[in-house]
Amino acid sequence: MPDRPEIVCLCGSSRFVDEMRAANRDLTFAGVIVVAPGEADEVVTPEQKLALDALHLSKIDLADRVLVVNPGGYVGESTRREIAHARATGKPVSFTDPV
């Protein structure tokens, strides 16, 4: 048994908030520490988006692996960058749906 629970970083489009929440719930109940994108109830400025994108890359760095929440196989530009970052740092990447 590991010294700590596995840490999984969720990645995916903000349009899939319900699917992200479901993945977070399922992983949490499975004993996994989940790191997820931040949620905003208001319009995010371009400057805030840049800061949030950089923060999310740091979340990926903390994780043991990445789970891409991609209903219908959709992977957007930001998520592609996150996948590339995860792979470049040796993190395993899996998907909820076939790409």
PDB file of N, CA and C in Angstrom:
ATOM      1  N   MET A   1       0.850  -1.188   0.000  1.00  0.00           N
ATOM      2  CA  MET A   1       0.000   0.000   0.000  1.00  0.00           C
ATOM      3  C   MET A   1       0.884   1.237   0.000  1.00  0.00           C
ATOM      4  N   PRO A   2       0.589   2.214  -0.876  1.00  0.00           N
ATOM      5  CA  PRO A   2       1.415   3.426  -0.934  1.00  0.00           C
ATOM      6  C   PRO A   2       1.292   4.254   0.344  1.00  0.00           C
ATOM      7  N   ASP A   3       2.278   5.137   0.549  1.00  0.00           N
ATOM      8  CA  ASP A   3       2.274   6.008   1.722  1.00  0.00           C
ATOM      9  C   ASP A   3       1.141   7.021   1.690  1.00  0.00           C
ATOM     10  N   ARG A   4       0.673   7.321   0.505  1.00  0.00           N
ATOM     11  CA  ARG A   4      -0.412   8.287   0.363  1.00  0.00           C
ATOM     12  C   ARG A   4      -1.318   7.831  -0.771  1.00  0.00           C
ATOM     13  N   PRO A   5      -2.533   8.339  -0.810  1.00  0.00           N
ATOM     14  CA  PRO A   5      -3.420   7.992  -1.922  1.00  0.00           C
ATOM     15  C   PRO A   5      -2.866   8.534  -3.244  1.00  0.00           C
ATOM     16  N   GLU A   6      -3.277   7.914  -4.327  1.00  0.00           N
ATOM     17  CA  GLU A   6      -2.927   8.405  -5.659  1.00  0.00           C
ATOM     18  C   GLU A   6      -3.524   9.793  -5.850  1.00  0.00           C
ATOM     19  N   ILE A   7      -2.804  10.643  -6.587  1.00  0.00           N
ATOM     20  CA  ILE A   7      -3.293  11.980  -6.934  1.00  0.00           C
ATOM     21  C   ILE A   7      -3.546  12.008  -8.433  1.00  0.00           C
ATOM     22  N   VAL A   8      -4.770  12.365  -8.815  1.00  0.00           N
ATOM     23  CA  VAL A   8      -5.154  12.449 -10.219  1.00  0.00           C
ATOM     24  C   VAL A   8      -5.579  13.877 -10.527  1.00  0.00           C
ATOM     25  N   CYS A   9      -5.045  14.416 -11.608  1.00  0.00           N
ATOM     26  CA  CYS A   9      -5.438  15.742 -12.068  1.00  0.00           C
ATOM     27  C   CYS A   9      -6.430  15.586 -13.214  1.00  0.00           C
ATOM     28  N   LEU A  10      -7.597  16.188 -13.068  1.00  0.00           N
ATOM     29  CA  LEU A  10      -8.589  16.189 -14.133  1.00  0.00           C
ATOM     30  C   LEU A  10      -8.290  17.307 -15.113  1.00  0.00           C
ATOM     31  N   CYS A  11      -8.414  16.995 -16.382  1.00  0.00           N
ATOM     32  CA  CYS A  11      -8.277  17.994 -17.442  1.00  0.00           C
ATOM     33  C   CYS A  11      -9.479  17.858 -18.361  1.00  0.00           C
ATOM     34  N   GLY A  12      -9.831  18.939 -19.014  1.00  0.00           N
ATOM     35  CA  GLY A  12     -10.930  18.905 -19.968  1.00  0.00           C
ATOM     36  C   GLY A  12     -11.555  20.270 -20.121  1.00  0.00           C
ATOM     37  N   SER A  13     -12.446  20.368 -21.068  1.00  0.00           N
ATOM     38  CA  SER A  13     -13.114  21.618 -21.370  1.00  0.00           C
ATOM     39  C   SER A  13     -14.046  22.034 -20.237  1.00  0.00           C
ATOM     40  N   SER A  14     -14.113  23.336 -20.007  1.00  0.00           N
ATOM     41  CA  SER A  14     -15.022  23.855 -18.978  1.00  0.00           C
ATOM     42  C   SER A  14     -16.482  23.631 -19.354  1.00  0.00           C
ATOM     43  N   ARG A  15     -16.745  23.280 -20.596  1.00  0.00           N
ATOM     44  CA  ARG A  15     -18.134  22.996 -20.997  1.00  0.00           C
ATOM     45  C   ARG A  15     -18.630  21.680 -20.394  1.00  0.00           C
ATOM     46  N   PHE A  16     -17.695  20.860 -19.887  1.00  0.00           N
ATOM     47  CA  PHE A  16     -18.056  19.563 -19.322  1.00  0.00           C
ATOM     48  C   PHE A  16     -18.031  19.578 -17.802  1.00  0.00           C
ATOM     49  N   VAL A  17     -18.526  20.646 -17.207  1.00  0.00           N
ATOM     50  CA  VAL A  17     -18.467  20.805 -15.755  1.00  0.00           C
ATOM     51  C   VAL A  17     -19.197  19.665 -15.038  1.00  0.00           C
ATOM     52  N   ASP A  18     -20.330  19.242 -15.546  1.00  0.00           N
ATOM     53  CA  ASP A  18     -21.072  18.160 -14.883  1.00  0.00           C
ATOM     54  C   ASP A  18     -20.295  16.844 -14.936  1.00  0.00           C
ATOM     55  N   GLU A  19     -19.669  16.576 -16.083  1.00  0.00           N
ATOM     56  CA  GLU A  19     -18.880  15.353 -16.241  1.00  0.00           C
ATOM     57  C   GLU A  19     -17.627  15.393 -15.364  1.00  0.00           C
ATOM     58  N   MET A  20     -17.031  16.591 -15.243  1.00  0.00           N
ATOM     59  CA  MET A  20     -15.851  16.753 -14.377  1.00  0.00           C
ATOM     60  C   MET A  20     -16.235  16.502 -12.921  1.00  0.00           C
ATOM     61  N   ARG A  21     -17.370  17.048 -12.515  1.00  0.00           N
ATOM     62  CA  ARG A  21     -17.824  16.839 -11.137  1.00  0.00           C
ATOM     63  C   ARG A  21     -18.087  15.361 -10.868  1.00  0.00           C
ATOM     64  N   ALA A  22     -18.679  14.664 -11.853  1.00  0.00           N
ATOM     65  CA  ALA A  22     -18.951  13.233 -11.689  1.00  0.00           C
ATOM     66  C   ALA A  22     -17.645  12.448 -11.583  1.00  0.00           C
ATOM     67  N   ALA A  23     -16.666  12.772 -12.415  1.00  0.00           N
ATOM     68  CA  ALA A  23     -15.373  12.088 -12.345  1.00  0.00           C
ATOM     69  C   ALA A  23     -14.708  12.365 -11.009  1.00  0.00           C
ATOM     70  N   ASN A  24     -14.787  13.611 -10.540  1.00  0.00           N
ATOM     71  CA  ASN A  24     -14.211  13.987  -9.244  1.00  0.00           C
ATOM     72  C   ASN A  24     -14.857  13.159  -8.136  1.00  0.00           C
ATOM     73  N   ARG A  25     -16.171  13.084  -8.154  1.00  0.00           N
ATOM     74  CA  ARG A  25     -16.897  12.317  -7.139  1.00  0.00           C
ATOM     75  C   ARG A  25     -16.504  10.837  -7.164  1.00  0.00           C
ATOM     76  N   ASP A  26     -16.500  10.252  -8.357  1.00  0.00           N
ATOM     77  CA  ASP A  26     -16.200   8.824  -8.482  1.00  0.00           C
ATOM     78  C   ASP A  26     -14.782   8.509  -8.010  1.00  0.00           C
ATOM     79  N   LEU A  27     -13.826   9.336  -8.415  1.00  0.00           N
ATOM     80  CA  LEU A  27     -12.438   9.123  -7.992  1.00  0.00           C
ATOM     81  C   LEU A  27     -12.287   9.325  -6.489  1.00  0.00           C
ATOM     82  N   THR A  28     -12.927  10.346  -5.957  1.00  0.00           N
ATOM     83  CA  THR A  28     -12.846  10.613  -4.525  1.00  0.00           C
ATOM     84  C   THR A  28     -13.380   9.434  -3.721  1.00  0.00           C
ATOM     85  N   PHE A  29     -14.522   8.890  -4.127  1.00  0.00           N
ATOM     86  CA  PHE A  29     -15.079   7.738  -3.420  1.00  0.00           C
ATOM     87  C   PHE A  29     -14.232   6.484  -3.592  1.00  0.00           C
ATOM     88  N   ALA A  30     -13.382   6.487  -4.626  1.00  0.00           N
ATOM     89  CA  ALA A  30     -12.455   5.371  -4.828  1.00  0.00           C
ATOM     90  C   ALA A  30     -11.156   5.570  -4.038  1.00  0.00           C
ATOM     91  N   GLY A  31     -11.076   6.648  -3.250  1.00  0.00           N
ATOM     92  CA  GLY A  31      -9.910   6.880  -2.406  1.00  0.00           C
ATOM     93  C   GLY A  31      -8.791   7.652  -3.066  1.00  0.00           C
ATOM     94  N   VAL A  32      -9.102   8.355  -4.139  1.00  0.00           N
ATOM     95  CA  VAL A  32      -8.112   9.124  -4.894  1.00  0.00           C
ATOM     96  C   VAL A  32      -8.198  10.597  -4.494  1.00  0.00           C
ATOM     97  N   ILE A  33      -7.042  11.246  -4.392  1.00  0.00           N
ATOM     98  CA  ILE A  33      -7.004  12.704  -4.231  1.00  0.00           C
ATOM     99  C   ILE A  33      -7.172  13.306  -5.615  1.00  0.00           C
ATOM    100  N   VAL A  34      -8.160  14.173  -5.779  1.00  0.00           N
ATOM    101  CA  VAL A  34      -8.454  14.754  -7.088  1.00  0.00           C
ATOM    102  C   VAL A  34      -8.052  16.225  -7.099  1.00  0.00           C
ATOM    103  N   VAL A  35      -7.317  16.589  -8.137  1.00  0.00           N
ATOM    104  CA  VAL A  35      -6.962  17.980  -8.393  1.00  0.00           C
ATOM    105  C   VAL A  35      -7.680  18.352  -9.683  1.00  0.00           C
ATOM    106  N   ALA A  36      -8.488  19.399  -9.632  1.00  0.00           N
ATOM    107  CA  ALA A  36      -9.335  19.732 -10.776  1.00  0.00           C
ATOM    108  C   ALA A  36      -9.165  21.196 -11.171  1.00  0.00           C
ATOM    109  N   PRO A  37      -9.588  21.514 -12.392  1.00  0.00           N
ATOM    110  CA  PRO A  37      -9.561  22.924 -12.808  1.00  0.00           C
ATOM    111  C   PRO A  37     -10.459  23.758 -11.904  1.00  0.00           C
ATOM    112  N   GLY A  38     -10.118  25.007 -11.751  1.00  0.00           N
ATOM    113  CA  GLY A  38     -10.967  25.918 -10.996  1.00  0.00           C
ATOM    114  C   GLY A  38     -12.242  26.214 -11.766  1.00  0.00           C
ATOM    115  N   GLU A  39     -13.271  26.580 -11.046  1.00  0.00           N
ATOM    116  CA  GLU A  39     -14.543  26.940 -11.669  1.00  0.00           C
ATOM    117  C   GLU A  39     -14.804  28.416 -11.406  1.00  0.00           C
ATOM    118  N   ALA A  40     -15.385  29.084 -12.414  1.00  0.00           N
ATOM    119  CA  ALA A  40     -15.719  30.503 -12.281  1.00  0.00           C
ATOM    120  C   ALA A  40     -17.184  30.696 -12.639  1.00  0.00           C
ATOM    121  N   ASP A  41     -17.863  31.499 -11.842  1.00  0.00           N
ATOM    122  CA  ASP A  41     -19.270  31.800 -12.111  1.00  0.00           C
ATOM    123  C   ASP A  41     -19.437  33.070 -12.937  1.00  0.00           C
ATOM    124  N   GLU A  42     -18.313  33.686 -13.292  1.00  0.00           N
ATOM    125  CA  GLU A  42     -18.370  34.910 -14.075  1.00  0.00           C
ATOM    126  C   GLU A  42     -17.408  34.790 -15.253  1.00  0.00           C
ATOM    127  N   VAL A  43     -17.471  35.762 -16.127  1.00  0.00           N
ATOM    128  CA  VAL A  43     -16.585  35.786 -17.287  1.00  0.00           C
ATOM    129  C   VAL A  43     -15.142  35.943 -16.801  1.00  0.00           C
ATOM    130  N   VAL A  44     -14.260  35.139 -17.360  1.00  0.00           N
ATOM    131  CA  VAL A  44     -12.848  35.173 -17.003  1.00  0.00           C
ATOM    132  C   VAL A  44     -12.127  36.066 -18.013  1.00  0.00           C
ATOM    133  N   THR A  45     -11.330  36.996 -17.520  1.00  0.00           N
ATOM    134  CA  THR A  45     -10.580  37.877 -18.409  1.00  0.00           C
ATOM    135  C   THR A  45      -9.436  37.109 -19.068  1.00  0.00           C
ATOM    136  N   PRO A  46      -8.908  37.613 -20.173  1.00  0.00           N
ATOM    137  CA  PRO A  46      -7.762  36.949 -20.801  1.00  0.00           C
ATOM    138  C   PRO A  46      -6.574  36.796 -19.838  1.00  0.00           C
ATOM    139  N   GLU A  47      -6.353  37.773 -18.991  1.00  0.00           N
ATOM    140  CA  GLU A  47      -5.256  37.698 -18.027  1.00  0.00           C
ATOM    141  C   GLU A  47      -5.514  36.601 -16.991  1.00  0.00           C
ATOM    142  N   GLN A  48      -6.759  36.521 -16.534  1.00  0.00           N
ATOM    143  CA  GLN A  48      -7.112  35.470 -15.572  1.00  0.00           C
ATOM    144  C   GLN A  48      -6.979  34.092 -16.216  1.00  0.00           C
ATOM    145  N   LYS A  49      -7.372  33.968 -17.484  1.00  0.00           N
ATOM    146  CA  LYS A  49      -7.255  32.674 -18.170  1.00  0.00           C
ATOM    147  C   LYS A  49      -5.795  32.245 -18.253  1.00  0.00           C
ATOM    148  N   LEU A  50      -4.908  33.162 -18.578  1.00  0.00           N
ATOM    149  CA  LEU A  50      -3.475  32.832 -18.624  1.00  0.00           C
ATOM    150  C   LEU A  50      -2.984  32.354 -17.266  1.00  0.00           C
ATOM    151  N   ALA A  51      -3.391  33.057 -16.210  1.00  0.00           N
ATOM    152  CA  ALA A  51      -2.974  32.671 -14.859  1.00  0.00           C
ATOM    153  C   ALA A  51      -3.555  31.312 -14.476  1.00  0.00           C
ATOM    154  N   LEU A  52      -4.822  31.073 -14.802  1.00  0.00           N
ATOM    155  CA  LEU A  52      -5.449  29.792 -14.480  1.00  0.00           C
ATOM    156  C   LEU A  52      -4.810  28.650 -15.265  1.00  0.00           C
ATOM    157  N   ASP A  53      -4.467  28.910 -16.526  1.00  0.00           N
ATOM    158  CA  ASP A  53      -3.804  27.880 -17.342  1.00  0.00           C
ATOM    159  C   ASP A  53      -2.456  27.501 -16.739  1.00  0.00           C
ATOM    160  N   ALA A  54      -1.683  28.500 -16.309  1.00  0.00           N
ATOM    161  CA  ALA A  54      -0.380  28.227 -15.682  1.00  0.00           C
ATOM    162  C   ALA A  54      -0.561  27.475 -14.365  1.00  0.00           C
ATOM    163  N   LEU A  55      -1.551  27.855 -13.588  1.00  0.00           N
ATOM    164  CA  LEU A  55      -1.834  27.172 -12.326  1.00  0.00           C
ATOM    165  C   LEU A  55      -2.198  25.709 -12.575  1.00  0.00           C
ATOM    166  N   HIS A  56      -2.969  25.468 -13.627  1.00  0.00           N
ATOM    167  CA  HIS A  56      -3.382  24.090 -13.906  1.00  0.00           C
ATOM    168  C   HIS A  56      -2.180  23.222 -14.303  1.00  0.00           C
ATOM    169  N   LEU A  57      -1.216  23.803 -15.010  1.00  0.00           N
ATOM    170  CA  LEU A  57       0.004  23.044 -15.326  1.00  0.00           C
ATOM    171  C   LEU A  57       0.729  22.649 -14.043  1.00  0.00           C
ATOM    172  N   SER A  58       0.721  23.528 -13.064  1.00  0.00           N
ATOM    173  CA  SER A  58       1.322  23.190 -11.765  1.00  0.00           C
ATOM    174  C   SER A  58       0.546  22.084 -11.065  1.00  0.00           C
ATOM    175  N   LYS A  59      -0.764  22.075 -11.225  1.00  0.00           N
ATOM    176  CA  LYS A  59      -1.573  20.995 -10.655  1.00  0.00           C
ATOM    177  C   LYS A  59      -1.204  19.659 -11.305  1.00  0.00           C
ATOM    178  N   ILE A  60      -0.980  19.680 -12.609  1.00  0.00           N
ATOM    179  CA  ILE A  60      -0.546  18.469 -13.313  1.00  0.00           C
ATOM    180  C   ILE A  60       0.781  17.990 -12.741  1.00  0.00           C
ATOM    181  N   ASP A  61       1.683  18.928 -12.470  1.00  0.00           N
ATOM    182  CA  ASP A  61       2.988  18.571 -11.901  1.00  0.00           C
ATOM    183  C   ASP A  61       2.846  17.865 -10.562  1.00  0.00           C
ATOM    184  N   LEU A  62       1.833  18.221  -9.777  1.00  0.00           N
ATOM    185  CA  LEU A  62       1.608  17.604  -8.466  1.00  0.00           C
ATOM    186  C   LEU A  62       1.032  16.193  -8.565  1.00  0.00           C
ATOM    187  N   ALA A  63       0.376  15.899  -9.673  1.00  0.00           N
ATOM    188  CA  ALA A  63      -0.378  14.659  -9.805  1.00  0.00           C
ATOM    189  C   ALA A  63       0.503  13.469 -10.175  1.00  0.00           C
ATOM    190  N   ASP A  64      -0.018  12.280  -9.865  1.00  0.00           N
ATOM    191  CA  ASP A  64       0.619  11.041 -10.303  1.00  0.00           C
ATOM    192  C   ASP A  64       0.235  10.709 -11.734  1.00  0.00           C
ATOM    193  N   ARG A  65      -0.986  11.104 -12.098  1.00  0.00           N
ATOM    194  CA  ARG A  65      -1.452  10.869 -13.459  1.00  0.00           C
ATOM    195  C   ARG A  65      -2.541  11.872 -13.803  1.00  0.00           C
ATOM    196  N   VAL A  66      -2.899  11.910 -15.087  1.00  0.00           N
ATOM    197  CA  VAL A  66      -3.911  12.833 -15.591  1.00  0.00           C
ATOM    198  C   VAL A  66      -5.062  12.030 -16.179  1.00  0.00           C
ATOM    199  N   LEU A  67      -6.282  12.456 -15.872  1.00  0.00           N
ATOM    200  CA  LEU A  67      -7.471  11.907 -16.500  1.00  0.00           C
ATOM    201  C   LEU A  67      -8.134  13.030 -17.286  1.00  0.00           C
ATOM    202  N   VAL A  68      -8.246  12.835 -18.598  1.00  0.00           N
ATOM    203  CA  VAL A  68      -8.895  13.813 -19.459  1.00  0.00           C
ATOM    204  C   VAL A  68     -10.369  13.445 -19.566  1.00  0.00           C
ATOM    205  N   VAL A  69     -11.214  14.375 -19.151  1.00  0.00           N
ATOM    206  CA  VAL A  69     -12.662  14.201 -19.252  1.00  0.00           C
ATOM    207  C   VAL A  69     -13.054  14.767 -20.616  1.00  0.00           C
ATOM    208  N   ASN A  70     -13.382  13.850 -21.541  1.00  0.00           N
ATOM    209  CA  ASN A  70     -13.606  14.262 -22.930  1.00  0.00           C
ATOM    210  C   ASN A  70     -14.824  13.577 -23.551  1.00  0.00           C
ATOM    211  N   PRO A  71     -16.034  13.898 -23.061  1.00  0.00           N
ATOM    212  CA  PRO A  71     -17.238  13.289 -23.641  1.00  0.00           C
ATOM    213  C   PRO A  71     -17.269  13.448 -25.164  1.00  0.00           C
ATOM    214  N   GLY A  72     -17.607  12.359 -25.819  1.00  0.00           N
ATOM    215  CA  GLY A  72     -17.665  12.392 -27.281  1.00  0.00           C
ATOM    216  C   GLY A  72     -16.304  12.466 -27.944  1.00  0.00           C
ATOM    217  N   GLY A  73     -15.233  12.361 -27.157  1.00  0.00           N
ATOM    218  CA  GLY A  73     -13.888  12.425 -27.711  1.00  0.00           C
ATOM    219  C   GLY A  73     -13.350  13.828 -27.890  1.00  0.00           C
ATOM    220  N   TYR A  74     -14.100  14.851 -27.431  1.00  0.00           N
ATOM    221  CA  TYR A  74     -13.668  16.239 -27.635  1.00  0.00           C
ATOM    222  C   TYR A  74     -12.460  16.590 -26.766  1.00  0.00           C
ATOM    223  N   VAL A  75     -11.427  17.145 -27.419  1.00  0.00           N
ATOM    224  CA  VAL A  75     -10.256  17.664 -26.723  1.00  0.00           C
ATOM    225  C   VAL A  75      -9.928  19.009 -27.364  1.00  0.00           C
ATOM    226  N   GLY A  76     -10.078  20.080 -26.589  1.00  0.00           N
ATOM    227  CA  GLY A  76      -9.825  21.419 -27.101  1.00  0.00           C
ATOM    228  C   GLY A  76      -8.358  21.813 -27.019  1.00  0.00           C
ATOM    229  N   GLU A  77      -8.089  23.015 -27.467  1.00  0.00           N
ATOM    230  CA  GLU A  77      -6.716  23.524 -27.543  1.00  0.00           C
ATOM    231  C   GLU A  77      -6.031  23.564 -26.175  1.00  0.00           C
ATOM    232  N   SER A  78      -6.688  24.097 -25.166  1.00  0.00           N
ATOM    233  CA  SER A  78      -6.079  24.179 -23.832  1.00  0.00           C
ATOM    234  C   SER A  78      -5.809  22.783 -23.278  1.00  0.00           C
ATOM    235  N   THR A  79      -6.746  21.894 -23.482  1.00  0.00           N
ATOM    236  CA  THR A  79      -6.567  20.525 -22.982  1.00  0.00           C
ATOM    237  C   THR A  79      -5.428  19.839 -23.725  1.00  0.00           C
ATOM    238  N   ARG A  80      -5.291  20.078 -25.027  1.00  0.00           N
ATOM    239  CA  ARG A  80      -4.164  19.511 -25.778  1.00  0.00           C
ATOM    240  C   ARG A  80      -2.834  19.975 -25.189  1.00  0.00           C
ATOM    241  N   ARG A  81      -2.758  21.255 -24.813  1.00  0.00           N
ATOM    242  CA  ARG A  81      -1.534  21.778 -24.183  1.00  0.00           C
ATOM    243  C   ARG A  81      -1.272  21.082 -22.849  1.00  0.00           C
ATOM    244  N   GLU A  82      -2.325  20.869 -22.081  1.00  0.00           N
ATOM    245  CA  GLU A  82      -2.172  20.193 -20.789  1.00  0.00           C
ATOM    246  C   GLU A  82      -1.708  18.743 -20.977  1.00  0.00           C
ATOM    247  N   ILE A  83      -2.260  18.063 -21.978  1.00  0.00           N
ATOM    248  CA  ILE A  83      -1.833  16.691 -22.272  1.00  0.00           C
ATOM    249  C   ILE A  83      -0.363  16.666 -22.665  1.00  0.00           C
ATOM    250  N   ALA A  84       0.044  17.596 -23.514  1.00  0.00           N
ATOM    251  CA  ALA A  84       1.442  17.668 -23.941  1.00  0.00           C
ATOM    252  C   ALA A  84       2.354  17.915 -22.748  1.00  0.00           C
ATOM    253  N   HIS A  85       1.936  18.791 -21.842  1.00  0.00           N
ATOM    254  CA  HIS A  85       2.727  19.075 -20.640  1.00  0.00           C
ATOM    255  C   HIS A  85       2.839  17.823 -19.772  1.00  0.00           C
ATOM    256  N   ALA A  86       1.727  17.145 -19.575  1.00  0.00           N
ATOM    257  CA  ALA A  86       1.735  15.936 -18.752  1.00  0.00           C
ATOM    258  C   ALA A  86       2.670  14.891 -19.344  1.00  0.00           C
ATOM    259  N   ARG A  87       2.565  14.674 -20.630  1.00  0.00           N
ATOM    260  CA  ARG A  87       3.418  13.670 -21.280  1.00  0.00           C
ATOM    261  C   ARG A  87       4.884  14.076 -21.238  1.00  0.00           C
ATOM    262  N   ALA A  88       5.154  15.363 -21.413  1.00  0.00           N
ATOM    263  CA  ALA A  88       6.541  15.843 -21.379  1.00  0.00           C
ATOM    264  C   ALA A  88       7.173  15.653 -20.008  1.00  0.00           C
ATOM    265  N   THR A  89       6.335  15.637 -18.968  1.00  0.00           N
ATOM    266  CA  THR A  89       6.856  15.457 -17.611  1.00  0.00           C
ATOM    267  C   THR A  89       6.699  14.011 -17.131  1.00  0.00           C
ATOM    268  N   GLY A  90       6.326  13.123 -18.045  1.00  0.00           N
ATOM    269  CA  GLY A  90       6.270  11.701 -17.724  1.00  0.00           C
ATOM    270  C   GLY A  90       5.017  11.242 -16.998  1.00  0.00           C
ATOM    271  N   LYS A  91       3.975  12.055 -17.024  1.00  0.00           N
ATOM    272  CA  LYS A  91       2.728  11.659 -16.347  1.00  0.00           C
ATOM    273  C   LYS A  91       1.891  10.777 -17.283  1.00  0.00           C
ATOM    274  N   PRO A  92       1.372   9.668 -16.787  1.00  0.00           N
ATOM    275  CA  PRO A  92       0.439   8.883 -17.595  1.00  0.00           C
ATOM    276  C   PRO A  92      -0.830   9.689 -17.837  1.00  0.00           C
ATOM    277  N   VAL A  93      -1.372   9.560 -19.045  1.00  0.00           N
ATOM    278  CA  VAL A  93      -2.588  10.272 -19.424  1.00  0.00           C
ATOM    279  C   VAL A  93      -3.612   9.249 -19.904  1.00  0.00           C
ATOM    280  N   SER A  94      -4.828   9.327 -19.346  1.00  0.00           N
ATOM    281  CA  SER A  94      -5.918   8.484 -19.815  1.00  0.00           C
ATOM    282  C   SER A  94      -7.117   9.377 -20.120  1.00  0.00           C
ATOM    283  N   PHE A  95      -8.091   8.801 -20.791  1.00  0.00           N
ATOM    284  CA  PHE A  95      -9.255   9.554 -21.270  1.00  0.00           C
ATOM    285  C   PHE A  95     -10.524   8.835 -20.855  1.00  0.00           C
ATOM    286  N   THR A  96     -11.586   9.616 -20.604  1.00  0.00           N
ATOM    287  CA  THR A  96     -12.875   9.003 -20.277  1.00  0.00           C
ATOM    288  C   THR A  96     -13.540   8.442 -21.516  1.00  0.00           C
ATOM    289  N   ASP A  97     -13.284   9.031 -22.687  1.00  0.00           N
ATOM    290  CA  ASP A  97     -13.854   8.597 -23.948  1.00  0.00           C
ATOM    291  C   ASP A  97     -12.739   8.427 -24.979  1.00  0.00           C
ATOM    292  N   PRO A  98     -12.946   7.572 -25.968  1.00  0.00           N
ATOM    293  CA  PRO A  98     -11.918   7.431 -27.013  1.00  0.00           C
ATOM    294  C   PRO A  98     -11.701   8.754 -27.729  1.00  0.00           C
ATOM    295  N   VAL A  99     -10.449   8.996 -28.082  1.00  0.00           N
ATOM    296  CA  VAL A  99     -10.100  10.252 -28.786  1.00  0.00           C
ATOM    297  C   VAL A  99     -10.242  10.035 -30.282  1.00  0.00           C
TER     298      VAL A  99
END
